[in-house]
């Protein structure tokens, strides 16, 4: 859930809901489906987290461009002029639409 956004469960559930975490969703994992979130992180070669995002969108493809943009914004906000020279990502980020 995004900061400042309050989640309200529906008055009458249309399906199963998680009463303790109504924002979570069923997401696909290599081991099957689990209720939870999909997290993305961008780290430097020294393992410093530069940008991160948590969504209920599964799978990963479609997130790479967003995470590169988030990295550029975070570096600029920190006053760092140097930009990444390359990106390493797992095969889950590949998308036939790109």
PDB file of N, CA and C in Angstrom:
ATOM      1  N   UNK A   1       0.849  -1.181   0.000  1.00  0.00           N
ATOM      2  CA  UNK A   1       0.000   0.000   0.000  1.00  0.00           C
ATOM      3  C   UNK A   1       0.890   1.238   0.000  1.00  0.00           C
ATOM      4  N   UNK A   2       0.512   2.234  -0.717  1.00  0.00           N
ATOM      5  CA  UNK A   2       1.265   3.480  -0.801  1.00  0.00           C
ATOM      6  C   UNK A   2       1.054   4.296   0.480  1.00  0.00           C
ATOM      7  N   UNK A   3       2.072   5.029   0.922  1.00  0.00           N
ATOM      8  CA  UNK A   3       1.912   5.875   2.107  1.00  0.00           C
ATOM      9  C   UNK A   3       0.770   6.868   1.924  1.00  0.00           C
ATOM     10  N   UNK A   4      -0.027   7.034   2.950  1.00  0.00           N
ATOM     11  CA  UNK A   4      -1.113   8.004   2.917  1.00  0.00           C
ATOM     12  C   UNK A   4      -2.379   7.491   2.269  1.00  0.00           C
ATOM     13  N   UNK A   5      -2.355   6.270   1.749  1.00  0.00           N
ATOM     14  CA  UNK A   5      -3.541   5.695   1.116  1.00  0.00           C
ATOM     15  C   UNK A   5      -4.137   4.678   2.083  1.00  0.00           C
ATOM     16  N   UNK A   6      -5.354   4.944   2.521  1.00  0.00           N
ATOM     17  CA  UNK A   6      -6.011   4.049   3.465  1.00  0.00           C
ATOM     18  C   UNK A   6      -6.835   3.026   2.700  1.00  0.00           C
ATOM     19  N   UNK A   7      -6.708   1.786   3.092  1.00  0.00           N
ATOM     20  CA  UNK A   7      -7.452   0.719   2.441  1.00  0.00           C
ATOM     21  C   UNK A   7      -8.734   0.450   3.206  1.00  0.00           C
ATOM     22  N   UNK A   8      -9.812   0.339   2.476  1.00  0.00           N
ATOM     23  CA  UNK A   8     -11.112   0.022   3.070  1.00  0.00           C
ATOM     24  C   UNK A   8     -11.644  -1.243   2.409  1.00  0.00           C
ATOM     25  N   UNK A   9     -11.878  -2.295   3.193  1.00  0.00           N
ATOM     26  CA  UNK A   9     -12.457  -3.482   2.589  1.00  0.00           C
ATOM     27  C   UNK A   9     -13.893  -3.217   2.162  1.00  0.00           C
ATOM     28  N   UNK A  10     -14.387  -3.932   1.152  1.00  0.00           N
ATOM     29  CA  UNK A  10     -15.758  -3.722   0.707  1.00  0.00           C
ATOM     30  C   UNK A  10     -16.758  -4.123   1.787  1.00  0.00           C
ATOM     31  N   UNK A  11     -17.944  -3.512   1.759  1.00  0.00           N
ATOM     32  CA  UNK A  11     -18.979  -3.836   2.747  1.00  0.00           C
ATOM     33  C   UNK A  11     -19.359  -5.309   2.661  1.00  0.00           C
ATOM     34  N   UNK A  12     -19.485  -5.816   1.440  1.00  0.00           N
ATOM     35  CA  UNK A  12     -19.780  -7.229   1.221  1.00  0.00           C
ATOM     36  C   UNK A  12     -18.699  -7.799   0.320  1.00  0.00           C
ATOM     37  N   UNK A  13     -17.869  -8.682   0.848  1.00  0.00           N
ATOM     38  CA  UNK A  13     -16.796  -9.244   0.021  1.00  0.00           C
ATOM     39  C   UNK A  13     -17.360  -9.987  -1.188  1.00  0.00           C
ATOM     40  N   UNK A  14     -16.705  -9.791  -2.346  1.00  0.00           N
ATOM     41  CA  UNK A  14     -17.115 -10.484  -3.563  1.00  0.00           C
ATOM     42  C   UNK A  14     -16.359 -11.792  -3.723  1.00  0.00           C
ATOM     43  N   UNK A  15     -15.368 -12.000  -2.924  1.00  0.00           N
ATOM     44  CA  UNK A  15     -14.534 -13.195  -2.982  1.00  0.00           C
ATOM     45  C   UNK A  15     -13.882 -13.348  -1.617  1.00  0.00           C
ATOM     46  N   UNK A  16     -12.914 -14.212  -1.503  1.00  0.00           N
ATOM     47  CA  UNK A  16     -12.180 -14.324  -0.256  1.00  0.00           C
ATOM     48  C   UNK A  16     -11.364 -13.052  -0.053  1.00  0.00           C
ATOM     49  N   UNK A  17     -11.251 -12.604   1.196  1.00  0.00           N
ATOM     50  CA  UNK A  17     -10.397 -11.460   1.491  1.00  0.00           C
ATOM     51  C   UNK A  17      -9.502 -11.808   2.664  1.00  0.00           C
ATOM     52  N   UNK A  18      -8.420 -11.119   2.762  1.00  0.00           N
ATOM     53  CA  UNK A  18      -7.525 -11.265   3.889  1.00  0.00           C
ATOM     54  C   UNK A  18      -7.892 -10.169   4.877  1.00  0.00           C
ATOM     55  N   UNK A  19      -8.468 -10.529   5.992  1.00  0.00           N
ATOM     56  CA  UNK A  19      -8.943  -9.547   6.969  1.00  0.00           C
ATOM     57  C   UNK A  19      -7.808  -8.782   7.633  1.00  0.00           C
ATOM     58  N   UNK A  20      -6.605  -9.343   7.668  1.00  0.00           N
ATOM     59  CA  UNK A  20      -5.483  -8.648   8.302  1.00  0.00           C
ATOM     60  C   UNK A  20      -4.667  -7.831   7.319  1.00  0.00           C
ATOM     61  N   UNK A  21      -4.793  -8.115   6.004  1.00  0.00           N
ATOM     62  CA  UNK A  21      -4.044  -7.378   4.987  1.00  0.00           C
ATOM     63  C   UNK A  21      -4.843  -7.335   3.688  1.00  0.00           C
ATOM     64  N   UNK A  22      -5.880  -6.495   3.628  1.00  0.00           N
ATOM     65  CA  UNK A  22      -6.742  -6.469   2.444  1.00  0.00           C
ATOM     66  C   UNK A  22      -6.056  -5.970   1.170  1.00  0.00           C
ATOM     67  N   UNK A  23      -4.848  -5.411   1.275  1.00  0.00           N
ATOM     68  CA  UNK A  23      -4.139  -4.934   0.086  1.00  0.00           C
ATOM     69  C   UNK A  23      -3.372  -6.042  -0.630  1.00  0.00           C
ATOM     70  N   UNK A  24      -3.087  -7.158   0.048  1.00  0.00           N
ATOM     71  CA  UNK A  24      -2.329  -8.229  -0.588  1.00  0.00           C
ATOM     72  C   UNK A  24      -3.182  -8.916  -1.651  1.00  0.00           C
ATOM     73  N   UNK A  25      -2.500  -9.582  -2.583  1.00  0.00           N
ATOM     74  CA  UNK A  25      -3.175 -10.276  -3.670  1.00  0.00           C
ATOM     75  C   UNK A  25      -2.473 -11.605  -3.914  1.00  0.00           C
ATOM     76  N   UNK A  26      -3.120 -12.491  -4.653  1.00  0.00           N
ATOM     77  CA  UNK A  26      -2.460 -13.716  -5.080  1.00  0.00           C
ATOM     78  C   UNK A  26      -1.469 -13.356  -6.171  1.00  0.00           C
ATOM     79  N   UNK A  27      -0.212 -13.689  -5.951  1.00  0.00           N
ATOM     80  CA  UNK A  27       0.833 -13.423  -6.938  1.00  0.00           C
ATOM     81  C   UNK A  27       1.518 -14.734  -7.289  1.00  0.00           C
ATOM     82  N   UNK A  28       1.894 -14.845  -8.551  1.00  0.00           N
ATOM     83  CA  UNK A  28       2.537 -16.063  -9.033  1.00  0.00           C
ATOM     84  C   UNK A  28       4.007 -16.056  -8.646  1.00  0.00           C
ATOM     85  N   UNK A  29       4.469 -17.186  -8.138  1.00  0.00           N
ATOM     86  CA  UNK A  29       5.873 -17.378  -7.784  1.00  0.00           C
ATOM     87  C   UNK A  29       6.373 -18.630  -8.499  1.00  0.00           C
ATOM     88  N   UNK A  30       7.675 -18.870  -8.494  1.00  0.00           N
ATOM     89  CA  UNK A  30       8.170 -20.106  -9.116  1.00  0.00           C
ATOM     90  C   UNK A  30       7.553 -21.368  -8.480  1.00  0.00           C
ATOM     91  N   UNK A  31       7.129 -21.274  -7.235  1.00  0.00           N
ATOM     92  CA  UNK A  31       6.543 -22.422  -6.551  1.00  0.00           C
ATOM     93  C   UNK A  31       5.031 -22.481  -6.628  1.00  0.00           C
ATOM     94  N   UNK A  32       4.406 -21.582  -7.353  1.00  0.00           N
ATOM     95  CA  UNK A  32       2.946 -21.546  -7.456  1.00  0.00           C
ATOM     96  C   UNK A  32       2.412 -20.185  -7.050  1.00  0.00           C
ATOM     97  N   UNK A  33       1.179 -20.147  -6.601  1.00  0.00           N
ATOM     98  CA  UNK A  33       0.535 -18.890  -6.212  1.00  0.00           C
ATOM     99  C   UNK A  33       0.595 -18.722  -4.702  1.00  0.00           C
ATOM    100  N   UNK A  34       0.910 -17.503  -4.243  1.00  0.00           N
ATOM    101  CA  UNK A  34       0.885 -17.184  -2.819  1.00  0.00           C
ATOM    102  C   UNK A  34       0.221 -15.819  -2.637  1.00  0.00           C
ATOM    103  N   UNK A  35      -0.359 -15.608  -1.501  1.00  0.00           N
ATOM    104  CA  UNK A  35      -0.911 -14.286  -1.218  1.00  0.00           C
ATOM    105  C   UNK A  35       0.215 -13.414  -0.702  1.00  0.00           C
ATOM    106  N   UNK A  36       0.373 -12.264  -1.318  1.00  0.00           N
ATOM    107  CA  UNK A  36       1.457 -11.397  -0.898  1.00  0.00           C
ATOM    108  C   UNK A  36       1.649 -10.225  -1.837  1.00  0.00           C
ATOM    109  N   UNK A  37       2.907  -9.877  -2.044  1.00  0.00           N
ATOM    110  CA  UNK A  37       3.294  -8.719  -2.833  1.00  0.00           C
ATOM    111  C   UNK A  37       4.436  -9.089  -3.763  1.00  0.00           C
ATOM    112  N   UNK A  38       4.710  -8.237  -4.726  1.00  0.00           N
ATOM    113  CA  UNK A  38       5.839  -8.392  -5.627  1.00  0.00           C
ATOM    114  C   UNK A  38       6.747  -7.190  -5.400  1.00  0.00           C
ATOM    115  N   UNK A  39       7.957  -7.447  -4.956  1.00  0.00           N
ATOM    116  CA  UNK A  39       8.889  -6.364  -4.644  1.00  0.00           C
ATOM    117  C   UNK A  39       9.964  -6.256  -5.720  1.00  0.00           C
ATOM    118  N   UNK A  40      10.320  -5.034  -6.051  1.00  0.00           N
ATOM    119  CA  UNK A  40      11.388  -4.734  -6.997  1.00  0.00           C
ATOM    120  C   UNK A  40      12.417  -3.889  -6.252  1.00  0.00           C
ATOM    121  N   UNK A  41      13.686  -4.125  -6.523  1.00  0.00           N
ATOM    122  CA  UNK A  41      14.737  -3.311  -5.910  1.00  0.00           C
ATOM    123  C   UNK A  41      15.857  -3.089  -6.918  1.00  0.00           C
ATOM    124  N   UNK A  42      16.441  -1.913  -6.868  1.00  0.00           N
ATOM    125  CA  UNK A  42      17.605  -1.576  -7.681  1.00  0.00           C
ATOM    126  C   UNK A  42      18.751  -1.328  -6.708  1.00  0.00           C
ATOM    127  N   UNK A  43      19.847  -2.047  -6.913  1.00  0.00           N
ATOM    128  CA  UNK A  43      21.009  -1.929  -6.037  1.00  0.00           C
ATOM    129  C   UNK A  43      22.236  -1.562  -6.855  1.00  0.00           C
ATOM    130  N   UNK A  44      23.159  -0.901  -6.191  1.00  0.00           N
ATOM    131  CA  UNK A  44      24.438  -0.604  -6.832  1.00  0.00           C
ATOM    132  C   UNK A  44      25.291  -1.865  -6.808  1.00  0.00           C
ATOM    133  N   UNK A  45      26.426  -1.801  -7.487  1.00  0.00           N
ATOM    134  CA  UNK A  45      27.321  -2.956  -7.470  1.00  0.00           C
ATOM    135  C   UNK A  45      27.852  -3.226  -6.057  1.00  0.00           C
ATOM    136  N   UNK A  46      27.735  -2.250  -5.171  1.00  0.00           N
ATOM    137  CA  UNK A  46      28.146  -2.416  -3.772  1.00  0.00           C
ATOM    138  C   UNK A  46      26.968  -2.799  -2.873  1.00  0.00           C
ATOM    139  N   UNK A  47      25.856  -3.202  -3.484  1.00  0.00           N
ATOM    140  CA  UNK A  47      24.657  -3.674  -2.799  1.00  0.00           C
ATOM    141  C   UNK A  47      23.952  -2.596  -1.968  1.00  0.00           C
ATOM    142  N   UNK A  48      24.031  -1.358  -2.432  1.00  0.00           N
ATOM    143  CA  UNK A  48      23.305  -0.253  -1.804  1.00  0.00           C
ATOM    144  C   UNK A  48      21.981  -0.100  -2.551  1.00  0.00           C
ATOM    145  N   UNK A  49      20.866  -0.151  -1.815  1.00  0.00           N
ATOM    146  CA  UNK A  49      19.555  -0.017  -2.448  1.00  0.00           C
ATOM    147  C   UNK A  49      19.370   1.431  -2.887  1.00  0.00           C
ATOM    148  N   UNK A  50      19.091   1.619  -4.161  1.00  0.00           N
ATOM    149  CA  UNK A  50      18.909   2.953  -4.727  1.00  0.00           C
ATOM    150  C   UNK A  50      17.434   3.267  -4.900  1.00  0.00           C
ATOM    151  N   UNK A  51      16.660   2.286  -5.332  1.00  0.00           N
ATOM    152  CA  UNK A  51      15.221   2.465  -5.543  1.00  0.00           C
ATOM    153  C   UNK A  51      14.524   1.143  -5.243  1.00  0.00           C
ATOM    154  N   UNK A  52      13.281   1.232  -4.791  1.00  0.00           N
ATOM    155  CA  UNK A  52      12.500   0.030  -4.499  1.00  0.00           C
ATOM    156  C   UNK A  52      11.024   0.331  -4.704  1.00  0.00           C
ATOM    157  N   UNK A  53      10.271  -0.717  -4.986  1.00  0.00           N
ATOM    158  CA  UNK A  53       8.826  -0.578  -5.139  1.00  0.00           C
ATOM    159  C   UNK A  53       8.187  -1.903  -4.767  1.00  0.00           C
ATOM    160  N   UNK A  54       7.000  -1.843  -4.208  1.00  0.00           N
ATOM    161  CA  UNK A  54       6.237  -3.031  -3.853  1.00  0.00           C
ATOM    162  C   UNK A  54       4.873  -2.903  -4.517  1.00  0.00           C
ATOM    163  N   UNK A  55       4.487  -3.935  -5.257  1.00  0.00           N
ATOM    164  CA  UNK A  55       3.206  -3.925  -5.958  1.00  0.00           C
ATOM    165  C   UNK A  55       2.483  -5.250  -5.733  1.00  0.00           C
ATOM    166  N   UNK A  56       1.288  -5.341  -6.245  1.00  0.00           N
ATOM    167  CA  UNK A  56       0.566  -6.610  -6.273  1.00  0.00           C
ATOM    168  C   UNK A  56       0.494  -7.120  -7.706  1.00  0.00           C
ATOM    169  N   UNK A  57       1.296  -6.532  -8.596  1.00  0.00           N
ATOM    170  CA  UNK A  57       1.353  -6.949  -9.988  1.00  0.00           C
ATOM    171  C   UNK A  57       2.331  -8.111 -10.143  1.00  0.00           C
ATOM    172  N   UNK A  58       1.904  -9.142 -10.804  1.00  0.00           N
ATOM    173  CA  UNK A  58       2.759 -10.288 -11.059  1.00  0.00           C
ATOM    174  C   UNK A  58       2.536 -10.677 -12.506  1.00  0.00           C
ATOM    175  N   UNK A  59       3.540 -11.011 -13.230  1.00  0.00           N
ATOM    176  CA  UNK A  59       4.952 -11.192 -12.963  1.00  0.00           C
ATOM    177  C   UNK A  59       5.746  -9.891 -13.082  1.00  0.00           C
ATOM    178  N   UNK A  60       7.077 -10.028 -13.190  1.00  0.00           N
ATOM    179  CA  UNK A  60       7.957  -8.855 -13.170  1.00  0.00           C
ATOM    180  C   UNK A  60       7.963  -8.038 -14.450  1.00  0.00           C
ATOM    181  N   UNK A  61       7.692  -8.655 -15.614  1.00  0.00           N
ATOM    182  CA  UNK A  61       7.851  -7.876 -16.845  1.00  0.00           C
ATOM    183  C   UNK A  61       6.920  -6.671 -16.823  1.00  0.00           C
ATOM    184  N   UNK A  62       7.445  -5.589 -17.370  1.00  0.00           N
ATOM    185  CA  UNK A  62       6.733  -4.319 -17.312  1.00  0.00           C
ATOM    186  C   UNK A  62       7.259  -3.412 -16.216  1.00  0.00           C
ATOM    187  N   UNK A  63       8.051  -3.964 -15.298  1.00  0.00           N
ATOM    188  CA  UNK A  63       8.568  -3.172 -14.184  1.00  0.00           C
ATOM    189  C   UNK A  63       9.962  -2.600 -14.438  1.00  0.00           C
ATOM    190  N   UNK A  64      10.684  -3.170 -15.391  1.00  0.00           N
ATOM    191  CA  UNK A  64      12.070  -2.750 -15.600  1.00  0.00           C
ATOM    192  C   UNK A  64      12.188  -1.273 -15.942  1.00  0.00           C
ATOM    193  N   UNK A  65      11.424  -0.811 -16.910  1.00  0.00           N
ATOM    194  CA  UNK A  65      11.485   0.601 -17.320  1.00  0.00           C
ATOM    195  C   UNK A  65      11.115   1.522 -16.152  1.00  0.00           C
ATOM    196  N   UNK A  66      10.110   1.125 -15.379  1.00  0.00           N
ATOM    197  CA  UNK A  66       9.696   1.926 -14.213  1.00  0.00           C
ATOM    198  C   UNK A  66      10.806   1.998 -13.171  1.00  0.00           C
ATOM    199  N   UNK A  67      11.505   0.891 -12.960  1.00  0.00           N
ATOM    200  CA  UNK A  67      12.565   0.880 -11.953  1.00  0.00           C
ATOM    201  C   UNK A  67      13.793   1.664 -12.414  1.00  0.00           C
ATOM    202  N   UNK A  68      14.083   1.638 -13.710  1.00  0.00           N
ATOM    203  CA  UNK A  68      15.192   2.453 -14.225  1.00  0.00           C
ATOM    204  C   UNK A  68      14.854   3.932 -14.034  1.00  0.00           C
ATOM    205  N   UNK A  69      13.615   4.318 -14.331  1.00  0.00           N
ATOM    206  CA  UNK A  69      13.192   5.715 -14.142  1.00  0.00           C
ATOM    207  C   UNK A  69      13.251   6.096 -12.665  1.00  0.00           C
ATOM    208  N   UNK A  70      12.830   5.199 -11.780  1.00  0.00           N
ATOM    209  CA  UNK A  70      12.876   5.472 -10.334  1.00  0.00           C
ATOM    210  C   UNK A  70      14.322   5.645  -9.873  1.00  0.00           C
ATOM    211  N   UNK A  71      15.219   4.842 -10.423  1.00  0.00           N
ATOM    212  CA  UNK A  71      16.642   4.951 -10.084  1.00  0.00           C
ATOM    213  C   UNK A  71      17.185   6.313 -10.489  1.00  0.00           C
ATOM    214  N   UNK A  72      16.863   6.748 -11.692  1.00  0.00           N
ATOM    215  CA  UNK A  72      17.336   8.051 -12.160  1.00  0.00           C
ATOM    216  C   UNK A  72      16.786   9.181 -11.290  1.00  0.00           C
ATOM    217  N   UNK A  73      15.514   9.081 -10.894  1.00  0.00           N
ATOM    218  CA  UNK A  73      14.916  10.111 -10.013  1.00  0.00           C
ATOM    219  C   UNK A  73      15.599  10.143  -8.649  1.00  0.00           C
ATOM    220  N   UNK A  74      15.838   8.963  -8.075  1.00  0.00           N
ATOM    221  CA  UNK A  74      16.457   8.895  -6.745  1.00  0.00           C
ATOM    222  C   UNK A  74      17.890   9.413  -6.768  1.00  0.00           C
ATOM    223  N   UNK A  75      18.634   9.063  -7.803  1.00  0.00           N
ATOM    224  CA  UNK A  75      20.006   9.567  -7.914  1.00  0.00           C
ATOM    225  C   UNK A  75      20.016  11.083  -8.056  1.00  0.00           C
ATOM    226  N   UNK A  76      19.129  11.627  -8.878  1.00  0.00           N
ATOM    227  CA  UNK A  76      19.043  13.084  -9.060  1.00  0.00           C
ATOM    228  C   UNK A  76      18.656  13.754  -7.741  1.00  0.00           C
ATOM    229  N   UNK A  77      17.698  13.180  -7.019  1.00  0.00           N
ATOM    230  CA  UNK A  77      17.261  13.764  -5.743  1.00  0.00           C
ATOM    231  C   UNK A  77      18.386  13.750  -4.711  1.00  0.00           C
ATOM    232  N   UNK A  78      19.292  12.777  -4.820  1.00  0.00           N
ATOM    233  CA  UNK A  78      20.424  12.688  -3.887  1.00  0.00           C
ATOM    234  C   UNK A  78      21.594  13.558  -4.350  1.00  0.00           C
ATOM    235  N   UNK A  79      21.432  14.240  -5.491  1.00  0.00           N
ATOM    236  CA  UNK A  79      22.490  15.114  -5.994  1.00  0.00           C
ATOM    237  C   UNK A  79      23.616  14.352  -6.678  1.00  0.00           C
ATOM    238  N   UNK A  80      23.347  13.141  -7.105  1.00  0.00           N
ATOM    239  CA  UNK A  80      24.357  12.325  -7.785  1.00  0.00           C
ATOM    240  C   UNK A  80      24.162  12.477  -9.287  1.00  0.00           C
ATOM    241  N   UNK A  81      25.187  12.994  -9.954  1.00  0.00           N
ATOM    242  CA  UNK A  81      25.098  13.253 -11.388  1.00  0.00           C
ATOM    243  C   UNK A  81      25.369  12.014 -12.234  1.00  0.00           C
ATOM    244  N   UNK A  82      26.166  11.090 -11.727  1.00  0.00           N
ATOM    245  CA  UNK A  82      26.507   9.898 -12.499  1.00  0.00           C
ATOM    246  C   UNK A  82      25.280   8.995 -12.641  1.00  0.00           C
ATOM    247  N   UNK A  83      25.067   8.495 -13.829  1.00  0.00           N
ATOM    248  CA  UNK A  83      23.928   7.619 -14.113  1.00  0.00           C
ATOM    249  C   UNK A  83      24.438   6.208 -14.384  1.00  0.00           C
ATOM    250  N   UNK A  84      23.597   5.211 -14.201  1.00  0.00           N
ATOM    251  CA  UNK A  84      24.024   3.832 -14.483  1.00  0.00           C
ATOM    252  C   UNK A  84      24.466   3.672 -15.938  1.00  0.00           C
ATOM    253  N   UNK A  85      25.502   2.852 -16.124  1.00  0.00           N
ATOM    254  CA  UNK A  85      26.021   2.600 -17.472  1.00  0.00           C
ATOM    255  C   UNK A  85      25.427   1.325 -18.058  1.00  0.00           C
ATOM    256  N   UNK A  86      24.779   0.533 -17.232  1.00  0.00           N
ATOM    257  CA  UNK A  86      24.190  -0.717 -17.694  1.00  0.00           C
ATOM    258  C   UNK A  86      23.213  -1.240 -16.661  1.00  0.00           C
ATOM    259  N   UNK A  87      22.444  -2.209 -17.074  1.00  0.00           N
ATOM    260  CA  UNK A  87      21.436  -2.811 -16.204  1.00  0.00           C
ATOM    261  C   UNK A  87      21.567  -4.323 -16.295  1.00  0.00           C
ATOM    262  N   UNK A  88      21.516  -4.983 -15.157  1.00  0.00           N
ATOM    263  CA  UNK A  88      21.494  -6.440 -15.103  1.00  0.00           C
ATOM    264  C   UNK A  88      20.182  -6.826 -14.460  1.00  0.00           C
ATOM    265  N   UNK A  89      19.400  -7.653 -15.148  1.00  0.00           N
ATOM    266  CA  UNK A  89      18.097  -8.075 -14.630  1.00  0.00           C
ATOM    267  C   UNK A  89      17.872  -9.532 -15.000  1.00  0.00           C
ATOM    268  N   UNK A  90      17.048 -10.222 -14.213  1.00  0.00           N
ATOM    269  CA  UNK A  90      16.775 -11.621 -14.549  1.00  0.00           C
ATOM    270  C   UNK A  90      15.811 -11.708 -15.729  1.00  0.00           C
ATOM    271  N   UNK A  91      15.635 -12.912 -16.239  1.00  0.00           N
ATOM    272  CA  UNK A  91      14.825 -13.125 -17.439  1.00  0.00           C
ATOM    273  C   UNK A  91      13.360 -12.767 -17.244  1.00  0.00           C
ATOM    274  N   UNK A  92      12.890 -12.672 -16.012  1.00  0.00           N
ATOM    275  CA  UNK A  92      11.503 -12.318 -15.747  1.00  0.00           C
ATOM    276  C   UNK A  92      11.130 -10.920 -16.193  1.00  0.00           C
ATOM    277  N   UNK A  93      12.113 -10.077 -16.415  1.00  0.00           N
ATOM    278  CA  UNK A  93      11.849  -8.710 -16.861  1.00  0.00           C
ATOM    279  C   UNK A  93      11.666  -8.605 -18.363  1.00  0.00           C
ATOM    280  N   UNK A  94      11.977  -9.658 -19.111  1.00  0.00           N
ATOM    281  CA  UNK A  94      11.837  -9.624 -20.553  1.00  0.00           C
ATOM    282  C   UNK A  94      10.368  -9.534 -20.916  1.00  0.00           C
ATOM    283  N   UNK A  95      10.066  -8.716 -21.911  1.00  0.00           N
ATOM    284  CA  UNK A  95       8.679  -8.558 -22.347  1.00  0.00           C
ATOM    285  C   UNK A  95       8.635  -8.509 -23.863  1.00  0.00           C
ATOM    286  N   UNK A  96       7.778  -9.330 -24.489  1.00  0.00           N
ATOM    287  CA  UNK A  96       7.701  -9.293 -25.959  1.00  0.00           C
ATOM    288  C   UNK A  96       7.117  -7.979 -26.472  1.00  0.00           C
ATOM    289  N   UNK A  97       6.497  -7.173 -25.600  1.00  0.00           N
ATOM    290  CA  UNK A  97       5.929  -5.889 -26.031  1.00  0.00           C
ATOM    291  C   UNK A  97       7.012  -4.854 -26.254  1.00  0.00           C
ATOM    292  N   UNK A  98       8.211  -5.068 -25.787  1.00  0.00           N
ATOM    293  CA  UNK A  98       9.306  -4.097 -25.916  1.00  0.00           C
ATOM    294  C   UNK A  98      10.264  -4.516 -26.972  1.00  0.00           C
TER     295      UNK A  98
END
